[in-house]
Amino acid sequence: MPTRYSQTRIRRVAAIRGKLDKTSRGHRLVVTRSNKFVYAQLIDLKTGNTVAGVKNTDAVAAGKQIAEKAKKLKIIEVALDRGGYKYHGKVKLLATAAREGGLSF
């Protein structure tokens, strides 16, 4: 049986993805986190394929790495999909580092 937190997170994921569909900028930056790692993926919204991905223990380093990969692919505008996580801690650090690296969302 799902916990109360997981049910809340599932609702948050649906709300975020619904808003992303309306804005659809071409690519989305998906952030996933675990206790040890932070994952970031660039996904093409038209095809649904992953264009680039990063896995790192440091959120700031992961944000910089994904921004570098996006620059090589000539991707500047992305939509941030925080995957139901609140915008603080590791997610906020990754997003800030990605913005400093040249991505805009």
Protein backbone atom coordinates (compact mmCIF):
# COMPACT_ATOMS: atom_id res chain seq x y z
CA MET A 1 0.00 0.00 0.00
CA PRO A 2 1.44 3.39 -1.00
CA THR A 3 2.39 5.74 1.79
CA ARG A 4 0.84 9.14 2.17
CA TYR A 5 4.02 10.80 0.91
CA SER A 6 4.13 8.70 -2.26
CA GLN A 7 0.47 9.46 -2.98
CA THR A 8 1.15 13.18 -2.60
CA ARG A 9 4.20 12.90 -4.86
CA ILE A 10 2.20 11.06 -7.53
CA ARG A 11 -0.36 13.89 -7.52
CA ARG A 12 2.43 16.45 -7.75
CA VAL A 13 3.99 14.60 -10.72
CA ALA A 14 0.67 14.66 -12.58
CA ALA A 15 0.22 18.38 -11.94
CA ILE A 16 3.76 19.23 -13.07
CA ARG A 17 3.57 17.12 -16.23
CA GLY A 18 0.19 18.66 -17.08
CA LYS A 19 1.67 22.14 -16.90
CA LEU A 20 4.68 21.05 -18.98
CA ASP A 21 2.43 19.76 -21.77
CA LYS A 22 0.85 23.20 -22.08
CA THR A 23 4.15 25.07 -22.26
CA SER A 24 6.10 22.42 -24.27
CA ARG A 25 9.34 24.14 -25.21
CA GLY A 26 10.75 21.24 -27.19
CA HIS A 27 12.88 19.62 -24.47
CA ARG A 28 12.44 18.98 -20.78
CA LEU A 29 15.05 18.61 -18.07
CA VAL A 30 13.97 15.74 -15.83
CA VAL A 31 15.46 15.62 -12.33
CA THR A 32 15.45 12.43 -10.29
CA ARG A 33 17.20 11.92 -7.01
CA SER A 34 18.06 9.09 -4.68
CA ASN A 35 19.83 9.06 -1.35
CA LYS A 36 23.22 8.89 -3.07
CA PHE A 37 22.87 10.20 -6.63
CA VAL A 38 21.22 12.98 -8.59
CA TYR A 39 20.14 12.18 -12.14
CA ALA A 40 19.36 14.69 -14.87
CA GLN A 41 18.05 13.85 -18.34
CA LEU A 42 17.19 15.94 -21.37
CA ILE A 43 14.15 14.48 -23.12
CA ASP A 44 12.83 15.51 -26.52
CA LEU A 45 9.10 16.17 -26.07
CA LYS A 46 8.22 15.37 -29.68
CA THR A 47 9.77 11.90 -29.81
CA GLY A 48 9.98 11.07 -26.10
CA ASN A 49 13.62 9.99 -26.48
CA THR A 50 16.39 10.79 -24.03
CA VAL A 51 18.90 13.10 -25.70
CA ALA A 52 21.45 13.37 -22.86
CA GLY A 53 21.81 12.19 -19.29
CA VAL A 54 23.99 12.73 -16.23
CA LYS A 55 24.47 10.84 -12.96
CA ASN A 56 26.49 12.38 -10.14
CA THR A 57 26.67 12.47 -6.36
CA ASP A 58 26.91 16.28 -6.40
CA ALA A 59 23.87 18.22 -7.61
CA VAL A 60 25.86 21.29 -8.64
CA ALA A 61 28.27 19.20 -10.74
CA ALA A 62 25.34 17.37 -12.35
CA GLY A 63 23.72 20.70 -13.27
CA LYS A 64 26.91 21.96 -14.88
CA GLN A 65 27.44 18.70 -16.77
CA ILE A 66 23.92 18.63 -18.20
CA ALA A 67 24.24 22.28 -19.25
CA GLU A 68 27.48 21.47 -21.09
CA LYS A 69 25.86 18.53 -22.88
CA ALA A 70 22.90 20.71 -23.81
CA LYS A 71 25.22 23.36 -25.26
CA LYS A 72 26.90 20.74 -27.45
CA LEU A 73 23.47 19.72 -28.73
CA LYS A 74 22.53 23.40 -29.22
CA ILE A 75 19.67 23.20 -26.71
CA ILE A 76 19.09 26.39 -24.74
CA GLU A 77 15.38 26.44 -23.79
CA VAL A 78 14.11 23.58 -21.62
CA ALA A 79 11.20 22.99 -19.29
CA LEU A 80 12.17 21.83 -15.78
CA ASP A 81 10.42 18.62 -14.73
CA ARG A 82 11.29 18.18 -11.08
CA GLY A 83 9.55 14.81 -10.93
CA GLY A 84 7.26 15.62 -8.05
CA TYR A 85 10.07 16.73 -5.78
CA LYS A 86 9.80 20.06 -4.04
CA TYR A 87 11.97 22.85 -5.44
CA HIS A 88 14.58 22.92 -2.70
CA GLY A 89 17.77 21.13 -1.73
CA LYS A 90 19.36 18.99 -4.46
CA VAL A 91 16.73 19.90 -7.07
CA LYS A 92 17.23 23.64 -6.54
CA LEU A 93 21.04 23.30 -6.61
CA LEU A 94 20.91 21.36 -9.89
CA ALA A 95 18.53 23.87 -11.47
CA THR A 96 20.63 26.84 -10.37
CA ALA A 97 23.82 25.27 -11.72
CA ALA A 98 22.11 24.44 -15.02
CA ARG A 99 20.94 28.06 -15.35
CA GLU A 100 24.45 29.31 -14.66
CA GLY A 101 25.69 26.87 -17.30
CA GLY A 102 23.51 28.50 -19.95
CA LEU A 103 20.13 26.75 -19.86
CA SER A 104 16.99 28.80 -19.51
CA PHE A 105 13.68 27.60 -18.08
